[in-house]
Amino acid sequence: MKKLFLLSLAIVVSYGTYAQIETPQPSPFQKIEQTVGLTKVTLEYSRPSMRGRTIFGGLVPYGELWRTGANENTKITFSDDVNIGGTELKAGSYAIYTKPNVQNWEIYFYSDSDNWGTPQEWDESKVVVTVKAQVDPMAFDIQSFTIAFSDITNDSANLRMLWENVSIVVPIKFITDKLVSAEIERVMSGPSANDYYASAVYYLESGKDINKAQNWIDKAIELREEPAFWYHRQKSLIYAKAGNKKVAINAAQTSLKLAKEAGNDDYIALNTKSLKEWGVL
């Protein structure tokens, strides 16, 4: 009985040991991070190899939907909106599916990016962009399926797919000029209400120049389109620290009123406590 137990234990240990052995993947995973202009692009896919096989028209049949790689579907993520084939593609993650043919490929950007391979049920409503790309024959073979970014400028890049002896190019346009122009407009128009507010609060909490803090919190309130109870709360604290109790009380009363309108119990309590301390309530 003891021998049987030890034999069973040895088998279990042996199986557990071998189950933990890691071997190379036949289609290794690759992740590419590329910045084009100001937009960050991330590409994730697995790379099958030829291994002496006929790929297109063989392993990958013509006219049939392909996951564009191996294992999980190929996924691309854009941090900003882009334009592909004349269609705007919103920032986010997309699966890339393809339908290879002899002379051209159809490329689909699919909004559901979490499939293993192709979807069990193809949902045409999830196809956000479809483009057709010409097949460019090459004089040599690419052994491992490759996707790369090429011909990168400030506002464009080519998504290039290569395998066997064919190359496919999908041009992508980026909204770099729009992003840069908006940033220039923001900076050149001066600090925003939030910039002034954050600076004033930092100076208050760090014990720095309280006069600057007063100036900045006043500018923040002036620039803000909608009154904010937390802005006026900080103004009351800044002016109280500066020794100007009259302005501090007025700011606290304004903050209390706005907090009541917004139903914010925390700021109601904070302002009520301060007003009591300052002899108003």
Foldseek 3Di string as FASTA:
>chain_A
DVVVVVVVVVVVVVVVVVVPDDDDDQFAKDWDWDDAQNKIKIKIATKHFCVVHDPECGVQNAQDKWLLHAWARIKMFIQAWKAWPNAIDGGGMWGWIWHDDDFKIKIFTFQPRGGTIDDPDDDPVRGRDIDIWTKDFAPAFDGMWDWDWDPGDNFKIWTWTGGGGIITTTIMGHPNVVVVVVVCVQVVVPDALVVLQVVLVCCLVVVHDLVSSLVSLVVSCVRDPDDALVSLQSNLSSCVVVVNNVSSLVSLVVSLVVCVVVVPPVSVVVSVVVCVVVPND
